[in-house]
Amino acid sequence: MLYSWHSAALKNYGAGRLIATAENPDAARAKIRAAIPEWIQENREWLLGPEDSEELAALLALFESDIAGPPTLSEALLIPGSE
């Protein structure tokens, strides 16, 4: 099953999405939590300033807030392109 949440942490011009395949919502949350540190490291230069400890804590809290609610359940995902 695909579990999906809207993400304020991944917002750019519109809300981002956090999506994971798992047996249940808690397992999906665990997979997302495990992926976040690598994503932050890869995108650190545009996410965080030089004094980033408070910014990092706020970003991690925002990710937790994103996945706190119930997910959207899907068996298939269709993603339209943009120009």
PDB file of N, CA and C in Angstrom:
ATOM      1  N   MET A   1       0.838  -1.170   0.000  1.00  0.00           N
ATOM      2  CA  MET A   1       0.000   0.000   0.000  1.00  0.00           C
ATOM      3  C   MET A   1       0.890   1.244   0.000  1.00  0.00           C
ATOM      4  N   LEU A   2       0.459   2.272  -0.687  1.00  0.00           N
ATOM      5  CA  LEU A   2       1.139   3.562  -0.679  1.00  0.00           C
ATOM      6  C   LEU A   2       0.487   4.452   0.375  1.00  0.00           C
ATOM      7  N   TYR A   3       1.287   5.020   1.230  1.00  0.00           N
ATOM      8  CA  TYR A   3       0.804   5.968   2.228  1.00  0.00           C
ATOM      9  C   TYR A   3       1.365   7.334   1.873  1.00  0.00           C
ATOM     10  N   SER A   4       0.522   8.350   1.895  1.00  0.00           N
ATOM     11  CA  SER A   4       0.916   9.668   1.424  1.00  0.00           C
ATOM     12  C   SER A   4       0.398  10.749   2.366  1.00  0.00           C
ATOM     13  N   TRP A   5       1.243  11.759   2.584  1.00  0.00           N
ATOM     14  CA  TRP A   5       0.862  12.925   3.373  1.00  0.00           C
ATOM     15  C   TRP A   5       1.257  14.186   2.612  1.00  0.00           C
ATOM     16  N   HIS A   6       0.447  15.251   2.718  1.00  0.00           N
ATOM     17  CA  HIS A   6       0.872  16.567   2.232  1.00  0.00           C
ATOM     18  C   HIS A   6       2.006  17.018   3.133  1.00  0.00           C
ATOM     19  N   SER A   7       2.965  17.744   2.578  1.00  0.00           N
ATOM     20  CA  SER A   7       4.128  18.141   3.361  1.00  0.00           C
ATOM     21  C   SER A   7       4.386  19.638   3.287  1.00  0.00           C
ATOM     22  N   ALA A   8       4.261  20.296   4.419  1.00  0.00           N
ATOM     23  CA  ALA A   8       4.659  21.703   4.520  1.00  0.00           C
ATOM     24  C   ALA A   8       6.183  21.810   4.488  1.00  0.00           C
ATOM     25  N   ALA A   9       6.885  20.799   5.006  1.00  0.00           N
ATOM     26  CA  ALA A   9       8.347  20.810   5.019  1.00  0.00           C
ATOM     27  C   ALA A   9       8.922  20.787   3.601  1.00  0.00           C
ATOM     28  N   LEU A  10       8.220  20.173   2.663  1.00  0.00           N
ATOM     29  CA  LEU A  10       8.691  20.084   1.278  1.00  0.00           C
ATOM     30  C   LEU A  10       8.024  21.114   0.371  1.00  0.00           C
ATOM     31  N   LYS A  11       7.350  22.093   0.981  1.00  0.00           N
ATOM     32  CA  LYS A  11       6.645  23.100   0.194  1.00  0.00           C
ATOM     33  C   LYS A  11       7.631  23.906  -0.646  1.00  0.00           C
ATOM     34  N   ASN A  12       7.262  24.122  -1.883  1.00  0.00           N
ATOM     35  CA  ASN A  12       8.001  25.011  -2.762  1.00  0.00           C
ATOM     36  C   ASN A  12       6.984  26.062  -3.186  1.00  0.00           C
ATOM     37  N   TYR A  13       6.369  25.932  -4.324  1.00  0.00           N
ATOM     38  CA  TYR A  13       5.282  26.823  -4.703  1.00  0.00           C
ATOM     39  C   TYR A  13       3.945  26.271  -4.221  1.00  0.00           C
ATOM     40  N   GLY A  14       3.890  24.994  -4.025  1.00  0.00           N
ATOM     41  CA  GLY A  14       2.714  24.319  -3.484  1.00  0.00           C
ATOM     42  C   GLY A  14       3.191  23.269  -2.503  1.00  0.00           C
ATOM     43  N   ALA A  15       2.256  22.634  -1.830  1.00  0.00           N
ATOM     44  CA  ALA A  15       2.614  21.609  -0.839  1.00  0.00           C
ATOM     45  C   ALA A  15       3.347  20.457  -1.504  1.00  0.00           C
ATOM     46  N   GLY A  16       4.333  19.935  -0.813  1.00  0.00           N
ATOM     47  CA  GLY A  16       5.026  18.743  -1.272  1.00  0.00           C
ATOM     48  C   GLY A  16       4.273  17.512  -0.798  1.00  0.00           C
ATOM     49  N   ARG A  17       4.817  16.343  -1.095  1.00  0.00           N
ATOM     50  CA  ARG A  17       4.198  15.086  -0.669  1.00  0.00           C
ATOM     51  C   ARG A  17       5.262  14.190  -0.075  1.00  0.00           C
ATOM     52  N   LEU A  18       4.888  13.478   0.958  1.00  0.00           N
ATOM     53  CA  LEU A  18       5.702  12.419   1.546  1.00  0.00           C
ATOM     54  C   LEU A  18       4.983  11.121   1.237  1.00  0.00           C
ATOM     55  N   ILE A  19       5.644  10.188   0.575  1.00  0.00           N
ATOM     56  CA  ILE A  19       5.006   8.953   0.120  1.00  0.00           C
ATOM     57  C   ILE A  19       5.922   7.780   0.456  1.00  0.00           C
ATOM     58  N   ALA A  20       5.337   6.728   1.004  1.00  0.00           N
ATOM     59  CA  ALA A  20       6.108   5.520   1.286  1.00  0.00           C
ATOM     60  C   ALA A  20       5.234   4.299   1.078  1.00  0.00           C
ATOM     61  N   THR A  21       5.845   3.211   0.643  1.00  0.00           N
ATOM     62  CA  THR A  21       5.145   1.931   0.590  1.00  0.00           C
ATOM     63  C   THR A  21       5.412   1.218   1.907  1.00  0.00           C
ATOM     64  N   ALA A  22       4.379   0.624   2.462  1.00  0.00           N
ATOM     65  CA  ALA A  22       4.541  -0.068   3.742  1.00  0.00           C
ATOM     66  C   ALA A  22       3.304  -0.916   4.019  1.00  0.00           C
ATOM     67  N   GLU A  23       3.411  -1.708   5.077  1.00  0.00           N
ATOM     68  CA  GLU A  23       2.304  -2.578   5.484  1.00  0.00           C
ATOM     69  C   GLU A  23       1.246  -1.808   6.267  1.00  0.00           C
ATOM     70  N   ASN A  24       1.660  -0.701   6.913  1.00  0.00           N
ATOM     71  CA  ASN A  24       0.727   0.080   7.724  1.00  0.00           C
ATOM     72  C   ASN A  24       1.272   1.504   7.862  1.00  0.00           C
ATOM     73  N   PRO A  25       0.451   2.440   8.353  1.00  0.00           N
ATOM     74  CA  PRO A  25       0.898   3.836   8.454  1.00  0.00           C
ATOM     75  C   PRO A  25       2.137   4.029   9.330  1.00  0.00           C
ATOM     76  N   ASP A  26       2.246   3.298  10.437  1.00  0.00           N
ATOM     77  CA  ASP A  26       3.413   3.466  11.303  1.00  0.00           C
ATOM     78  C   ASP A  26       4.701   3.038  10.606  1.00  0.00           C
ATOM     79  N   ALA A  27       4.639   1.969   9.831  1.00  0.00           N
ATOM     80  CA  ALA A  27       5.811   1.524   9.073  1.00  0.00           C
ATOM     81  C   ALA A  27       6.163   2.549   7.988  1.00  0.00           C
ATOM     82  N   ALA A  28       5.143   3.161   7.378  1.00  0.00           N
ATOM     83  CA  ALA A  28       5.395   4.204   6.379  1.00  0.00           C
ATOM     84  C   ALA A  28       6.057   5.417   7.026  1.00  0.00           C
ATOM     85  N   ARG A  29       5.574   5.805   8.207  1.00  0.00           N
ATOM     86  CA  ARG A  29       6.197   6.917   8.924  1.00  0.00           C
ATOM     87  C   ARG A  29       7.664   6.606   9.243  1.00  0.00           C
ATOM     88  N   ALA A  30       7.945   5.385   9.656  1.00  0.00           N
ATOM     89  CA  ALA A  30       9.319   4.990   9.978  1.00  0.00           C
ATOM     90  C   ALA A  30      10.213   5.092   8.743  1.00  0.00           C
ATOM     91  N   LYS A  31       9.714   4.679   7.591  1.00  0.00           N
ATOM     92  CA  LYS A  31      10.496   4.773   6.357  1.00  0.00           C
ATOM     93  C   LYS A  31      10.771   6.231   5.999  1.00  0.00           C
ATOM     94  N   ILE A  32       9.763   7.078   6.165  1.00  0.00           N
ATOM     95  CA  ILE A  32       9.939   8.500   5.866  1.00  0.00           C
ATOM     96  C   ILE A  32      10.950   9.114   6.831  1.00  0.00           C
ATOM     97  N   ARG A  33      10.815   8.817   8.119  1.00  0.00           N
ATOM     98  CA  ARG A  33      11.782   9.332   9.101  1.00  0.00           C
ATOM     99  C   ARG A  33      13.210   8.895   8.756  1.00  0.00           C
ATOM    100  N   ALA A  34      13.371   7.681   8.290  1.00  0.00           N
ATOM    101  CA  ALA A  34      14.695   7.171   7.938  1.00  0.00           C
ATOM    102  C   ALA A  34      15.269   7.885   6.710  1.00  0.00           C
ATOM    103  N   ALA A  35      14.419   8.346   5.810  1.00  0.00           N
ATOM    104  CA  ALA A  35      14.867   9.003   4.577  1.00  0.00           C
ATOM    105  C   ALA A  35      15.181  10.489   4.774  1.00  0.00           C
ATOM    106  N   ILE A  36      14.635  11.099   5.804  1.00  0.00           N
ATOM    107  CA  ILE A  36      14.765  12.547   5.994  1.00  0.00           C
ATOM    108  C   ILE A  36      16.218  13.003   6.175  1.00  0.00           C
ATOM    109  N   PRO A  37      17.040  12.378   7.019  1.00  0.00           N
ATOM    110  CA  PRO A  37      18.416  12.890   7.195  1.00  0.00           C
ATOM    111  C   PRO A  37      19.219  12.954   5.896  1.00  0.00           C
ATOM    112  N   GLU A  38      19.115  11.934   5.063  1.00  0.00           N
ATOM    113  CA  GLU A  38      19.846  11.946   3.790  1.00  0.00           C
ATOM    114  C   GLU A  38      19.328  13.057   2.882  1.00  0.00           C
ATOM    115  N   TRP A  39      18.005  13.232   2.836  1.00  0.00           N
ATOM    116  CA  TRP A  39      17.424  14.291   2.004  1.00  0.00           C
ATOM    117  C   TRP A  39      17.898  15.661   2.489  1.00  0.00           C
ATOM    118  N   ILE A  40      17.904  15.862   3.800  1.00  0.00           N
ATOM    119  CA  ILE A  40      18.375  17.140   4.342  1.00  0.00           C
ATOM    120  C   ILE A  40      19.842  17.356   3.981  1.00  0.00           C
ATOM    121  N   GLN A  41      20.662  16.336   4.130  1.00  0.00           N
ATOM    122  CA  GLN A  41      22.087  16.462   3.803  1.00  0.00           C
ATOM    123  C   GLN A  41      22.283  16.829   2.335  1.00  0.00           C
ATOM    124  N   GLU A  42      21.516  16.207   1.445  1.00  0.00           N
ATOM    125  CA  GLU A  42      21.639  16.485   0.010  1.00  0.00           C
ATOM    126  C   GLU A  42      21.169  17.891  -0.354  1.00  0.00           C
ATOM    127  N   ASN A  43      20.257  18.459   0.435  1.00  0.00           N
ATOM    128  CA  ASN A  43      19.656  19.756   0.121  1.00  0.00           C
ATOM    129  C   ASN A  43      20.007  20.833   1.142  1.00  0.00           C
ATOM    130  N   ARG A  44      20.998  20.577   1.961  1.00  0.00           N
ATOM    131  CA  ARG A  44      21.342  21.433   3.092  1.00  0.00           C
ATOM    132  C   ARG A  44      21.613  22.884   2.689  1.00  0.00           C
ATOM    133  N   GLU A  45      22.322  23.103   1.592  1.00  0.00           N
ATOM    134  CA  GLU A  45      22.736  24.466   1.251  1.00  0.00           C
ATOM    135  C   GLU A  45      21.574  25.402   0.957  1.00  0.00           C
ATOM    136  N   TRP A  46      20.458  24.898   0.434  1.00  0.00           N
ATOM    137  CA  TRP A  46      19.321  25.787   0.207  1.00  0.00           C
ATOM    138  C   TRP A  46      18.259  25.671   1.297  1.00  0.00           C
ATOM    139  N   LEU A  47      18.428  24.729   2.232  1.00  0.00           N
ATOM    140  CA  LEU A  47      17.470  24.564   3.331  1.00  0.00           C
ATOM    141  C   LEU A  47      17.850  25.341   4.581  1.00  0.00           C
ATOM    142  N   LEU A  48      19.136  25.352   4.889  1.00  0.00           N
ATOM    143  CA  LEU A  48      19.580  25.840   6.191  1.00  0.00           C
ATOM    144  C   LEU A  48      20.665  26.890   6.059  1.00  0.00           C
ATOM    145  N   GLY A  49      20.645  27.838   6.977  1.00  0.00           N
ATOM    146  CA  GLY A  49      21.675  28.865   7.011  1.00  0.00           C
ATOM    147  C   GLY A  49      22.905  28.386   7.767  1.00  0.00           C
ATOM    148  N   PRO A  50      23.904  29.257   7.904  1.00  0.00           N
ATOM    149  CA  PRO A  50      25.136  28.878   8.579  1.00  0.00           C
ATOM    150  C   PRO A  50      24.940  28.507  10.055  1.00  0.00           C
ATOM    151  N   GLU A  51      24.067  29.198  10.744  1.00  0.00           N
ATOM    152  CA  GLU A  51      23.733  28.867  12.136  1.00  0.00           C
ATOM    153  C   GLU A  51      22.463  28.043  12.086  1.00  0.00           C
ATOM    154  N   ASP A  52      22.602  26.775  11.756  1.00  0.00           N
ATOM    155  CA  ASP A  52      21.438  25.995  11.361  1.00  0.00           C
ATOM    156  C   ASP A  52      20.827  25.097  12.426  1.00  0.00           C
ATOM    157  N   SER A  53      21.309  25.072  13.654  1.00  0.00           N
ATOM    158  CA  SER A  53      20.779  24.116  14.631  1.00  0.00           C
ATOM    159  C   SER A  53      19.301  24.371  14.943  1.00  0.00           C
ATOM    160  N   GLU A  54      18.921  25.642  15.098  1.00  0.00           N
ATOM    161  CA  GLU A  54      17.509  25.951  15.355  1.00  0.00           C
ATOM    162  C   GLU A  54      16.673  25.700  14.107  1.00  0.00           C
ATOM    163  N   GLU A  55      17.201  26.052  12.945  1.00  0.00           N
ATOM    164  CA  GLU A  55      16.490  25.825  11.686  1.00  0.00           C
ATOM    165  C   GLU A  55      16.296  24.332  11.439  1.00  0.00           C
ATOM    166  N   LEU A  56      17.322  23.538  11.734  1.00  0.00           N
ATOM    167  CA  LEU A  56      17.228  22.097  11.564  1.00  0.00           C
ATOM    168  C   LEU A  56      16.169  21.518  12.499  1.00  0.00           C
ATOM    169  N   ALA A  57      16.166  21.939  13.742  1.00  0.00           N
ATOM    170  CA  ALA A  57      15.162  21.457  14.698  1.00  0.00           C
ATOM    171  C   ALA A  57      13.755  21.820  14.237  1.00  0.00           C
ATOM    172  N   ALA A  58      13.582  23.031  13.709  1.00  0.00           N
ATOM    173  CA  ALA A  58      12.270  23.458  13.208  1.00  0.00           C
ATOM    174  C   ALA A  58      11.853  22.630  11.999  1.00  0.00           C
ATOM    175  N   LEU A  59      12.795  22.342  11.101  1.00  0.00           N
ATOM    176  CA  LEU A  59      12.488  21.541   9.914  1.00  0.00           C
ATOM    177  C   LEU A  59      12.095  20.119  10.304  1.00  0.00           C
ATOM    178  N   LEU A  60      12.842  19.523  11.227  1.00  0.00           N
ATOM    179  CA  LEU A  60      12.501  18.170  11.684  1.00  0.00           C
ATOM    180  C   LEU A  60      11.133  18.142  12.359  1.00  0.00           C
ATOM    181  N   ALA A  61      10.816  19.177  13.128  1.00  0.00           N
ATOM    182  CA  ALA A  61       9.503  19.264  13.768  1.00  0.00           C
ATOM    183  C   ALA A  61       8.405  19.397  12.717  1.00  0.00           C
ATOM    184  N   LEU A  62       8.678  20.122  11.641  1.00  0.00           N
ATOM    185  CA  LEU A  62       7.700  20.282  10.568  1.00  0.00           C
ATOM    186  C   LEU A  62       7.449  18.947   9.866  1.00  0.00           C
ATOM    187  N   PHE A  63       8.511  18.173   9.618  1.00  0.00           N
ATOM    188  CA  PHE A  63       8.325  16.835   9.038  1.00  0.00           C
ATOM    189  C   PHE A  63       7.462  15.970   9.957  1.00  0.00           C
ATOM    190  N   GLU A  64       7.732  16.015  11.260  1.00  0.00           N
ATOM    191  CA  GLU A  64       6.933  15.227  12.217  1.00  0.00           C
ATOM    192  C   GLU A  64       5.471  15.661  12.184  1.00  0.00           C
ATOM    193  N   SER A  65       5.248  16.955  12.094  1.00  0.00           N
ATOM    194  CA  SER A  65       3.881  17.470  12.002  1.00  0.00           C
ATOM    195  C   SER A  65       3.197  16.982  10.724  1.00  0.00           C
ATOM    196  N   ASP A  66       3.967  16.950   9.631  1.00  0.00           N
ATOM    197  CA  ASP A  66       3.419  16.483   8.349  1.00  0.00           C
ATOM    198  C   ASP A  66       2.868  15.066   8.448  1.00  0.00           C
ATOM    199  N   ILE A  67       3.578  14.174   9.133  1.00  0.00           N
ATOM    200  CA  ILE A  67       3.185  12.761   9.168  1.00  0.00           C
ATOM    201  C   ILE A  67       2.378  12.386  10.417  1.00  0.00           C
ATOM    202  N   ALA A  68       2.027  13.379  11.230  1.00  0.00           N
ATOM    203  CA  ALA A  68       1.284  13.102  12.465  1.00  0.00           C
ATOM    204  C   ALA A  68      -0.157  12.662  12.196  1.00  0.00           C
ATOM    205  N   GLY A  69      -0.758  13.189  11.154  1.00  0.00           N
ATOM    206  CA  GLY A  69      -2.151  12.883  10.857  1.00  0.00           C
ATOM    207  C   GLY A  69      -2.308  11.614  10.059  1.00  0.00           C
ATOM    208  N   PRO A  70      -3.560  11.285   9.761  1.00  0.00           N
ATOM    209  CA  PRO A  70      -3.803  10.087   8.963  1.00  0.00           C
ATOM    210  C   PRO A  70      -3.336  10.272   7.514  1.00  0.00           C
ATOM    211  N   PRO A  71      -2.783   9.233   6.919  1.00  0.00           N
ATOM    212  CA  PRO A  71      -2.324   9.332   5.535  1.00  0.00           C
ATOM    213  C   PRO A  71      -3.463   9.099   4.545  1.00  0.00           C
ATOM    214  N   THR A  72      -3.182   9.458   3.309  1.00  0.00           N
ATOM    215  CA  THR A  72      -4.031   9.067   2.195  1.00  0.00           C
ATOM    216  C   THR A  72      -3.541   7.695   1.751  1.00  0.00           C
ATOM    217  N   LEU A  73      -4.452   6.775   1.522  1.00  0.00           N
ATOM    218  CA  LEU A  73      -4.092   5.424   1.093  1.00  0.00           C
ATOM    219  C   LEU A  73      -4.311   5.277  -0.404  1.00  0.00           C
ATOM    220  N   SER A  74      -3.382   4.616  -1.061  1.00  0.00           N
ATOM    221  CA  SER A  74      -3.491   4.393  -2.499  1.00  0.00           C
ATOM    222  C   SER A  74      -2.855   3.071  -2.862  1.00  0.00           C
ATOM    223  N   GLU A  75      -3.284   2.523  -3.985  1.00  0.00           N
ATOM    224  CA  GLU A  75      -2.611   1.365  -4.556  1.00  0.00           C
ATOM    225  C   GLU A  75      -1.857   1.746  -5.807  1.00  0.00           C
ATOM    226  N   ALA A  76      -2.153   2.944  -6.341  1.00  0.00           N
ATOM    227  CA  ALA A  76      -1.464   3.432  -7.528  1.00  0.00           C
ATOM    228  C   ALA A  76      -1.319   4.947  -7.402  1.00  0.00           C
ATOM    229  N   LEU A  77      -0.315   5.488  -8.042  1.00  0.00           N
ATOM    230  CA  LEU A  77      -0.048   6.911  -7.962  1.00  0.00           C
ATOM    231  C   LEU A  77       0.192   7.432  -9.357  1.00  0.00           C
ATOM    232  N   LEU A  78      -0.546   8.451  -9.755  1.00  0.00           N
ATOM    233  CA  LEU A  78      -0.383   9.092 -11.053  1.00  0.00           C
ATOM    234  C   LEU A  78       0.138  10.512 -10.801  1.00  0.00           C
ATOM    235  N   ILE A  79       1.263  10.872 -11.419  1.00  0.00           N
ATOM    236  CA  ILE A  79       1.872  12.157 -11.176  1.00  0.00           C
ATOM    237  C   ILE A  79       1.929  12.930 -12.494  1.00  0.00           C
ATOM    238  N   PRO A  80       1.124  13.992 -12.644  1.00  0.00           N
ATOM    239  CA  PRO A  80       1.165  14.762 -13.881  1.00  0.00           C
ATOM    240  C   PRO A  80       2.434  15.600 -13.946  1.00  0.00           C
ATOM    241  N   GLY A  81       2.894  15.857 -15.133  1.00  0.00           N
ATOM    242  CA  GLY A  81       4.055  16.721 -15.329  1.00  0.00           C
ATOM    243  C   GLY A  81       3.642  18.176 -15.327  1.00  0.00           C
ATOM    244  N   SER A  82       4.625  19.049 -15.435  1.00  0.00           N
ATOM    245  CA  SER A  82       4.350  20.482 -15.522  1.00  0.00           C
ATOM    246  C   SER A  82       5.265  21.082 -16.574  1.00  0.00           C
ATOM    247  N   GLU A  83       4.928  22.271 -17.006  1.00  0.00           N
ATOM    248  CA  GLU A  83       5.733  22.931 -18.038  1.00  0.00           C
ATOM    249  C   GLU A  83       6.787  23.785 -17.443  1.00  0.00           C
TER     250      GLU A  83
END
